[in-house]
Amino acid sequence: MRIVVLAGGIGGARFLRGLKRAAPDADITVIGNTGDDIHLFGLKVCPDLDTVMYTLGGGIDEERGWGRTDESFRLKEELAAYGVGPEWFGLGDRDFATHIVRTQMLAAGYPLSAVTEALCDRWQPGVRLIPMSDDRVETHVAVTLPDGDPAAGPAAASGAGKAPSGSGVRKVIHFQEYWVRLRASVPAEAVVPVGAEQAKPAPGVLEAIAAADVILFPPSNPVVSIGTILAVPGIREAIASST
């Protein structure tokens, strides 16, 4: 049986672990969300792809649900000592190695799909993990930040970008900042997968969908995970044609 799964991070990864146990002989292809990807410290970080890879490969921190097991954060502490941020995003020392390898391979001209395949050679997740696109797509969120929030920036002082009620500053921020730093504590006024309309499905995505016997949507965020994957032109249509 050929199964295609559209997956985000923690929920999708844990679902996949159960799916592998329930269907051990199935040929499983995972189309991973890359809208959560972010560039930090000069490195390309792919949280959802890595969470799937680490979870299925036995390297995930089970308590947190993300990052590496037996992790330390000395490099993050050293960066903070130099005043280099953001401090709110936790990259562990072991995790840094993955991002360094990925960034080096991307700089050498390899597409993200090939880089992901190479990283999976180490972890052997037991599925074929493909990013939804090799093109850069980042999910941004429009919010009204409360006055005094550091991310509100100079606009808070000047009055530029003030919400009509004067209760805050309107700004578009990366989803990771919304989810990790703000902990989704302010309403999301709009969620925009920047770059999705110009992106193309990564090699193998449409072919896997067309050949699938079953297409599954695991418990991943329907807006910023599944919705972002479906925002890449051709993927939604391919799924609709396969039913």
C-alpha atoms as a PDB file:
ATOM      1  CA  MET A   1       0.000   0.000   0.000  1.00  0.00           C
ATOM      2  CA  ARG A   2       1.250   3.457  -0.929  1.00  0.00           C
ATOM      3  CA  ILE A   3       0.377   6.134   1.606  1.00  0.00           C
ATOM      4  CA  VAL A   4       0.959   9.873   1.366  1.00  0.00           C
ATOM      5  CA  VAL A   5       0.820  11.977   4.526  1.00  0.00           C
ATOM      6  CA  LEU A   6       0.774  15.783   4.663  1.00  0.00           C
ATOM      7  CA  ALA A   7       2.503  16.624   7.922  1.00  0.00           C
ATOM      8  CA  GLY A   8       3.532  19.454  10.157  1.00  0.00           C
ATOM      9  CA  GLY A   9       5.670  19.004  13.236  1.00  0.00           C
ATOM     10  CA  ILE A  10       4.954  17.333  16.572  1.00  0.00           C
ATOM     11  CA  GLY A  11       1.417  16.085  15.924  1.00  0.00           C
ATOM     12  CA  GLY A  12       2.244  14.866  12.448  1.00  0.00           C
ATOM     13  CA  ALA A  13       5.448  13.167  13.593  1.00  0.00           C
ATOM     14  CA  ARG A  14       3.751  11.261  16.398  1.00  0.00           C
ATOM     15  CA  PHE A  15       0.930  10.244  14.078  1.00  0.00           C
ATOM     16  CA  LEU A  16       3.497   8.906  11.631  1.00  0.00           C
ATOM     17  CA  ARG A  17       5.142   6.846  14.333  1.00  0.00           C
ATOM     18  CA  GLY A  18       1.803   5.195  15.038  1.00  0.00           C
ATOM     19  CA  LEU A  19       1.080   4.773  11.337  1.00  0.00           C
ATOM     20  CA  LYS A  20       4.352   2.918  10.811  1.00  0.00           C
ATOM     21  CA  ARG A  21       3.437   0.495  13.578  1.00  0.00           C
ATOM     22  CA  ALA A  22      -0.102   0.020  12.241  1.00  0.00           C
ATOM     23  CA  ALA A  23       1.015  -0.440   8.627  1.00  0.00           C
ATOM     24  CA  PRO A  24       4.597  -1.764   8.786  1.00  0.00           C
ATOM     25  CA  ASP A  25       4.634  -2.886   5.162  1.00  0.00           C
ATOM     26  CA  ALA A  26       3.252   0.342   3.695  1.00  0.00           C
ATOM     27  CA  ASP A  27       5.302   2.585   1.415  1.00  0.00           C
ATOM     28  CA  ILE A  28       4.910   5.942   3.165  1.00  0.00           C
ATOM     29  CA  THR A  29       5.763   9.315   1.648  1.00  0.00           C
ATOM     30  CA  VAL A  30       5.606  12.358   3.911  1.00  0.00           C
ATOM     31  CA  ILE A  31       5.116  15.791   2.377  1.00  0.00           C
ATOM     32  CA  GLY A  32       6.461  18.110   5.059  1.00  0.00           C
ATOM     33  CA  ASN A  33       5.476  21.681   5.765  1.00  0.00           C
ATOM     34  CA  THR A  34       8.275  24.184   5.213  1.00  0.00           C
ATOM     35  CA  GLY A  35       6.275  27.319   5.958  1.00  0.00           C
ATOM     36  CA  ASP A  36       7.665  27.248   9.513  1.00  0.00           C
ATOM     37  CA  ASP A  37      11.229  27.432   8.169  1.00  0.00           C
ATOM     38  CA  ILE A  38      13.291  30.318   9.454  1.00  0.00           C
ATOM     39  CA  HIS A  39      16.817  31.688   9.054  1.00  0.00           C
ATOM     40  CA  LEU A  40      18.607  32.101  12.387  1.00  0.00           C
ATOM     41  CA  PHE A  41      22.281  32.866  13.059  1.00  0.00           C
ATOM     42  CA  GLY A  42      22.912  32.544   9.326  1.00  0.00           C
ATOM     43  CA  LEU A  43      21.467  29.028   9.282  1.00  0.00           C
ATOM     44  CA  LYS A  44      18.462  27.507   7.538  1.00  0.00           C
ATOM     45  CA  VAL A  45      16.216  25.907  10.163  1.00  0.00           C
ATOM     46  CA  CYS A  46      13.404  23.550   9.104  1.00  0.00           C
ATOM     47  CA  PRO A  47      11.504  22.762  12.333  1.00  0.00           C
ATOM     48  CA  ASP A  48       8.789  20.506  10.916  1.00  0.00           C
ATOM     49  CA  LEU A  49      11.060  18.460   8.670  1.00  0.00           C
ATOM     50  CA  ASP A  50      13.512  17.971  11.518  1.00  0.00           C
ATOM     51  CA  THR A  51      10.806  17.006  14.007  1.00  0.00           C
ATOM     52  CA  VAL A  52       9.565  14.275  11.669  1.00  0.00           C
ATOM     53  CA  MET A  53      13.121  13.114  10.965  1.00  0.00           C
ATOM     54  CA  TYR A  54      14.189  13.074  14.619  1.00  0.00           C
ATOM     55  CA  THR A  55      10.963  11.460  15.864  1.00  0.00           C
ATOM     56  CA  LEU A  56      10.974   8.610  13.371  1.00  0.00           C
ATOM     57  CA  GLY A  57      14.751   8.239  13.591  1.00  0.00           C
ATOM     58  CA  GLY A  58      14.820   7.922  17.377  1.00  0.00           C
ATOM     59  CA  GLY A  59      16.577  11.199  18.158  1.00  0.00           C
ATOM     60  CA  ILE A  60      13.715  13.393  19.356  1.00  0.00           C
ATOM     61  CA  ASP A  61      13.396  14.849  22.835  1.00  0.00           C
ATOM     62  CA  GLU A  62      10.201  13.061  23.838  1.00  0.00           C
ATOM     63  CA  GLU A  63       9.307  15.453  26.641  1.00  0.00           C
ATOM     64  CA  ARG A  64       9.497  18.624  24.555  1.00  0.00           C
ATOM     65  CA  GLY A  65       8.421  16.976  21.313  1.00  0.00           C
ATOM     66  CA  TRP A  66      11.035  18.921  19.341  1.00  0.00           C
ATOM     67  CA  GLY A  67      14.819  19.120  19.215  1.00  0.00           C
ATOM     68  CA  ARG A  68      17.352  16.455  20.064  1.00  0.00           C
ATOM     69  CA  THR A  69      17.415  14.132  23.033  1.00  0.00           C
ATOM     70  CA  ASP A  70      20.214  14.607  25.599  1.00  0.00           C
ATOM     71  CA  GLU A  71      20.548  18.173  24.374  1.00  0.00           C
ATOM     72  CA  SER A  72      22.626  21.020  25.791  1.00  0.00           C
ATOM     73  CA  PHE A  73      22.382  24.737  25.065  1.00  0.00           C
ATOM     74  CA  ARG A  74      25.887  26.060  25.628  1.00  0.00           C
ATOM     75  CA  LEU A  75      26.171  27.587  22.164  1.00  0.00           C
ATOM     76  CA  LYS A  76      22.914  29.460  22.658  1.00  0.00           C
ATOM     77  CA  GLU A  77      24.212  30.751  25.992  1.00  0.00           C
ATOM     78  CA  GLU A  78      27.440  31.936  24.378  1.00  0.00           C
ATOM     79  CA  LEU A  79      25.559  33.726  21.611  1.00  0.00           C
ATOM     80  CA  ALA A  80      23.397  35.444  24.220  1.00  0.00           C
ATOM     81  CA  ALA A  81      26.544  36.534  26.070  1.00  0.00           C
ATOM     82  CA  TYR A  82      27.586  38.327  22.893  1.00  0.00           C
ATOM     83  CA  GLY A  83      24.157  39.923  22.664  1.00  0.00           C
ATOM     84  CA  VAL A  84      23.228  37.882  19.614  1.00  0.00           C
ATOM     85  CA  GLY A  85      19.584  36.880  19.395  1.00  0.00           C
ATOM     86  CA  PRO A  86      16.893  35.923  19.186  1.00  0.00           C
ATOM     87  CA  GLU A  87      17.053  34.369  22.635  1.00  0.00           C
ATOM     88  CA  TRP A  88      13.442  33.139  22.460  1.00  0.00           C
ATOM     89  CA  PHE A  89      14.170  30.419  19.869  1.00  0.00           C
ATOM     90  CA  GLY A  90      15.844  27.394  21.406  1.00  0.00           C
ATOM     91  CA  LEU A  91      18.453  25.733  19.212  1.00  0.00           C
ATOM     92  CA  GLY A  92      20.459  23.095  21.041  1.00  0.00           C
ATOM     93  CA  ASP A  93      24.075  22.204  20.422  1.00  0.00           C
ATOM     94  CA  ARG A  94      23.297  18.911  18.695  1.00  0.00           C
ATOM     95  CA  ASP A  95      20.512  20.502  16.696  1.00  0.00           C
ATOM     96  CA  PHE A  96      22.899  23.183  15.423  1.00  0.00           C
ATOM     97  CA  ALA A  97      24.861  20.477  13.589  1.00  0.00           C
ATOM     98  CA  THR A  98      21.848  19.590  11.435  1.00  0.00           C
ATOM     99  CA  HIS A  99      21.288  23.218  10.488  1.00  0.00           C
ATOM    100  CA  ILE A 100      24.953  23.761   9.689  1.00  0.00           C
ATOM    101  CA  VAL A 101      25.029  20.753   7.358  1.00  0.00           C
ATOM    102  CA  ARG A 102      21.776  21.839   5.701  1.00  0.00           C
ATOM    103  CA  THR A 103      22.967  25.411   5.178  1.00  0.00           C
ATOM    104  CA  GLN A 104      26.297  24.287   3.743  1.00  0.00           C
ATOM    105  CA  MET A 105      24.593  21.962   1.271  1.00  0.00           C
ATOM    106  CA  LEU A 106      22.113  24.627   0.212  1.00  0.00           C
ATOM    107  CA  ALA A 107      24.973  27.087  -0.298  1.00  0.00           C
ATOM    108  CA  ALA A 108      26.695  24.473  -2.467  1.00  0.00           C
ATOM    109  CA  GLY A 109      23.668  24.449  -4.751  1.00  0.00           C
ATOM    110  CA  TYR A 110      21.725  21.408  -3.578  1.00  0.00           C
ATOM    111  CA  PRO A 111      17.928  21.842  -3.421  1.00  0.00           C
ATOM    112  CA  LEU A 112      16.172  21.398  -0.095  1.00  0.00           C
ATOM    113  CA  SER A 113      14.649  18.088  -1.206  1.00  0.00           C
ATOM    114  CA  ALA A 114      18.103  16.622  -1.903  1.00  0.00           C
ATOM    115  CA  VAL A 115      19.440  18.017   1.371  1.00  0.00           C
ATOM    116  CA  THR A 116      16.540  16.467   3.291  1.00  0.00           C
ATOM    117  CA  GLU A 117      17.199  13.115   1.652  1.00  0.00           C
ATOM    118  CA  ALA A 118      20.874  13.338   2.637  1.00  0.00           C
ATOM    119  CA  LEU A 119      20.031  14.184   6.250  1.00  0.00           C
ATOM    120  CA  CYS A 120      17.591  11.273   6.375  1.00  0.00           C
ATOM    121  CA  ASP A 121      20.371   8.924   5.305  1.00  0.00           C
ATOM    122  CA  ARG A 122      21.701   9.297   8.821  1.00  0.00           C
ATOM    123  CA  TRP A 123      18.393   9.026  10.674  1.00  0.00           C
ATOM    124  CA  GLN A 124      16.689   6.330   8.594  1.00  0.00           C
ATOM    125  CA  PRO A 125      13.122   7.459   9.458  1.00  0.00           C
ATOM    126  CA  GLY A 126      11.559   4.580   7.522  1.00  0.00           C
ATOM    127  CA  VAL A 127       9.529   6.932   5.321  1.00  0.00           C
ATOM    128  CA  ARG A 128      10.323   9.068   2.326  1.00  0.00           C
ATOM    129  CA  LEU A 129      10.391  12.643   3.633  1.00  0.00           C
ATOM    130  CA  ILE A 130       9.944  15.366   1.005  1.00  0.00           C
ATOM    131  CA  PRO A 131       9.611  19.091   1.650  1.00  0.00           C
ATOM    132  CA  MET A 132       6.490  20.556   0.079  1.00  0.00           C
ATOM    133  CA  SER A 133       8.702  22.800  -2.060  1.00  0.00           C
ATOM    134  CA  ASP A 134      12.352  23.546  -2.728  1.00  0.00           C
ATOM    135  CA  ASP A 135      11.401  27.218  -2.959  1.00  0.00           C
ATOM    136  CA  ARG A 136      11.424  29.533   0.031  1.00  0.00           C
ATOM    137  CA  VAL A 137       8.039  29.816   1.710  1.00  0.00           C
ATOM    138  CA  GLU A 138       7.594  31.427   5.122  1.00  0.00           C
ATOM    139  CA  THR A 139       4.380  31.788   7.072  1.00  0.00           C
ATOM    140  CA  HIS A 140       3.872  35.271   8.477  1.00  0.00           C
ATOM    141  CA  VAL A 141       1.176  36.442  10.866  1.00  0.00           C
ATOM    142  CA  ALA A 142      -0.433  39.887  11.067  1.00  0.00           C
ATOM    143  CA  VAL A 143      -0.933  40.941  14.676  1.00  0.00           C
ATOM    144  CA  THR A 144      -1.480  44.003  16.807  1.00  0.00           C
ATOM    145  CA  LEU A 145       1.336  44.063  19.337  1.00  0.00           C
ATOM    146  CA  PRO A 146       0.666  45.730  22.676  1.00  0.00           C
ATOM    147  CA  ASP A 147       2.387  49.040  23.338  1.00  0.00           C
ATOM    148  CA  GLY A 148       5.759  48.425  24.899  1.00  0.00           C
ATOM    149  CA  ASP A 149       6.371  45.091  23.211  1.00  0.00           C
ATOM    150  CA  PRO A 150      10.027  45.094  22.055  1.00  0.00           C
ATOM    151  CA  ALA A 151       9.020  43.790  18.631  1.00  0.00           C
ATOM    152  CA  ALA A 152       6.716  46.760  18.076  1.00  0.00           C
ATOM    153  CA  GLY A 153       9.804  48.795  17.213  1.00  0.00           C
ATOM    154  CA  PRO A 154      10.081  52.548  16.602  1.00  0.00           C
ATOM    155  CA  ALA A 155       6.536  52.691  15.236  1.00  0.00           C
ATOM    156  CA  ALA A 156       5.222  52.388  18.787  1.00  0.00           C
ATOM    157  CA  ALA A 157       6.901  55.621  19.768  1.00  0.00           C
ATOM    158  CA  SER A 158       6.152  57.559  16.601  1.00  0.00           C
ATOM    159  CA  GLY A 159       2.534  56.464  16.313  1.00  0.00           C
ATOM    160  CA  ALA A 160       3.101  54.928  12.870  1.00  0.00           C
ATOM    161  CA  GLY A 161       1.212  51.694  12.414  1.00  0.00           C
ATOM    162  CA  LYS A 162      -0.998  52.357  15.416  1.00  0.00           C
ATOM    163  CA  ALA A 163      -4.204  50.371  15.589  1.00  0.00           C
ATOM    164  CA  PRO A 164      -7.333  52.558  15.327  1.00  0.00           C
ATOM    165  CA  SER A 165      -8.074  52.072  19.004  1.00  0.00           C
ATOM    166  CA  GLY A 166      -4.557  53.151  19.941  1.00  0.00           C
ATOM    167  CA  SER A 167      -4.158  49.927  21.849  1.00  0.00           C
ATOM    168  CA  GLY A 168      -1.106  48.643  20.019  1.00  0.00           C
ATOM    169  CA  VAL A 169       0.980  48.498  16.873  1.00  0.00           C
ATOM    170  CA  ARG A 170       0.056  46.512  13.802  1.00  0.00           C
ATOM    171  CA  LYS A 171       2.876  44.389  12.445  1.00  0.00           C
ATOM    172  CA  VAL A 172       3.518  41.294  10.377  1.00  0.00           C
ATOM    173  CA  ILE A 173       5.849  38.851  12.094  1.00  0.00           C
ATOM    174  CA  HIS A 174       7.252  35.420  11.303  1.00  0.00           C
ATOM    175  CA  PHE A 175       5.075  32.561  12.500  1.00  0.00           C
ATOM    176  CA  GLN A 176       7.860  31.314  14.763  1.00  0.00           C
ATOM    177  CA  GLU A 177       7.897  34.616  16.607  1.00  0.00           C
ATOM    178  CA  TYR A 178       4.121  34.492  16.944  1.00  0.00           C
ATOM    179  CA  TRP A 179       4.102  30.885  18.142  1.00  0.00           C
ATOM    180  CA  VAL A 180       7.288  30.678  20.217  1.00  0.00           C
ATOM    181  CA  ARG A 181       7.930  34.181  21.564  1.00  0.00           C
ATOM    182  CA  LEU A 182       4.337  35.386  21.870  1.00  0.00           C
ATOM    183  CA  ARG A 183       2.921  31.870  22.470  1.00  0.00           C
ATOM    184  CA  ALA A 184      -0.048  32.849  20.277  1.00  0.00           C
ATOM    185  CA  SER A 185      -1.164  35.176  23.068  1.00  0.00           C
ATOM    186  CA  VAL A 186      -2.514  37.854  20.705  1.00  0.00           C
ATOM    187  CA  PRO A 187      -5.146  37.291  17.995  1.00  0.00           C
ATOM    188  CA  ALA A 188      -3.876  36.397  14.527  1.00  0.00           C
ATOM    189  CA  GLU A 189      -5.491  38.923  12.190  1.00  0.00           C
ATOM    190  CA  ALA A 190      -4.176  37.204   9.061  1.00  0.00           C
ATOM    191  CA  VAL A 191      -1.957  34.247   8.243  1.00  0.00           C
ATOM    192  CA  VAL A 192       0.002  34.567   4.999  1.00  0.00           C
ATOM    193  CA  PRO A 193       2.263  31.881   3.477  1.00  0.00           C
ATOM    194  CA  VAL A 194       4.688  34.318   1.873  1.00  0.00           C
ATOM    195  CA  GLY A 195       6.124  32.956  -1.364  1.00  0.00           C
ATOM    196  CA  ALA A 196       3.678  30.063  -1.658  1.00  0.00           C
ATOM    197  CA  GLU A 197       1.971  31.398  -4.776  1.00  0.00           C
ATOM    198  CA  GLN A 198       5.293  31.499  -6.642  1.00  0.00           C
ATOM    199  CA  ALA A 199       6.540  28.166  -5.308  1.00  0.00           C
ATOM    200  CA  LYS A 200       6.556  24.840  -7.099  1.00  0.00           C
ATOM    201  CA  PRO A 201       6.052  21.415  -5.534  1.00  0.00           C
ATOM    202  CA  ALA A 202       9.357  19.711  -4.782  1.00  0.00           C
ATOM    203  CA  PRO A 203      10.372  16.845  -7.080  1.00  0.00           C
ATOM    204  CA  GLY A 204       8.400  13.723  -6.238  1.00  0.00           C
ATOM    205  CA  VAL A 205       5.497  15.471  -4.480  1.00  0.00           C
ATOM    206  CA  LEU A 206       2.954  15.362  -7.298  1.00  0.00           C
ATOM    207  CA  GLU A 207       4.111  11.926  -8.424  1.00  0.00           C
ATOM    208  CA  ALA A 208       3.653  10.506  -4.913  1.00  0.00           C
ATOM    209  CA  ILE A 209       0.154  11.977  -4.661  1.00  0.00           C
ATOM    210  CA  ALA A 210      -0.828  10.587  -8.049  1.00  0.00           C
ATOM    211  CA  ALA A 211       0.392   7.099  -7.144  1.00  0.00           C
ATOM    212  CA  ALA A 212      -1.059   7.033  -3.614  1.00  0.00           C
ATOM    213  CA  ASP A 213      -3.663   4.500  -2.531  1.00  0.00           C
ATOM    214  CA  VAL A 214      -4.402   6.574   0.560  1.00  0.00           C
ATOM    215  CA  ILE A 215      -3.794  10.246   1.388  1.00  0.00           C
ATOM    216  CA  LEU A 216      -3.866  11.132   5.080  1.00  0.00           C
ATOM    217  CA  PHE A 217      -4.118  14.413   6.964  1.00  0.00           C
ATOM    218  CA  PRO A 218      -2.679  13.866  10.461  1.00  0.00           C
ATOM    219  CA  PRO A 219      -3.336  16.054  13.527  1.00  0.00           C
ATOM    220  CA  SER A 220      -1.250  18.962  12.260  1.00  0.00           C
ATOM    221  CA  ASN A 221      -2.358  22.593  12.396  1.00  0.00           C
ATOM    222  CA  PRO A 222      -4.965  22.967   9.618  1.00  0.00           C
ATOM    223  CA  VAL A 223      -3.988  26.583   8.881  1.00  0.00           C
ATOM    224  CA  VAL A 224      -0.226  26.931   9.235  1.00  0.00           C
ATOM    225  CA  SER A 225       0.780  23.342   8.466  1.00  0.00           C
ATOM    226  CA  ILE A 226      -1.739  21.622   6.193  1.00  0.00           C
ATOM    227  CA  GLY A 227      -3.037  24.900   4.763  1.00  0.00           C
ATOM    228  CA  THR A 228       0.463  26.056   3.881  1.00  0.00           C
ATOM    229  CA  ILE A 229       1.247  22.813   2.062  1.00  0.00           C
ATOM    230  CA  LEU A 230      -1.994  23.106   0.108  1.00  0.00           C
ATOM    231  CA  ALA A 231      -1.150  26.726  -0.769  1.00  0.00           C
ATOM    232  CA  VAL A 232       1.669  25.567  -3.059  1.00  0.00           C
ATOM    233  CA  PRO A 233       0.147  25.588  -6.572  1.00  0.00           C
ATOM    234  CA  GLY A 234      -0.565  22.106  -7.880  1.00  0.00           C
ATOM    235  CA  ILE A 235      -0.702  20.215  -4.593  1.00  0.00           C
ATOM    236  CA  ARG A 236      -4.349  20.890  -3.752  1.00  0.00           C
ATOM    237  CA  GLU A 237      -5.348  20.114  -7.332  1.00  0.00           C
ATOM    238  CA  ALA A 238      -3.359  16.880  -7.355  1.00  0.00           C
ATOM    239  CA  ILE A 239      -5.070  15.706  -4.167  1.00  0.00           C
ATOM    240  CA  ALA A 240      -8.503  16.633  -5.514  1.00  0.00           C
ATOM    241  CA  SER A 241      -7.788  14.707  -8.725  1.00  0.00           C
ATOM    242  CA  SER A 242      -6.733  11.610  -6.801  1.00  0.00           C
ATOM    243  CA  THR A 243     -10.031  11.222  -4.930  1.00  0.00           C
END
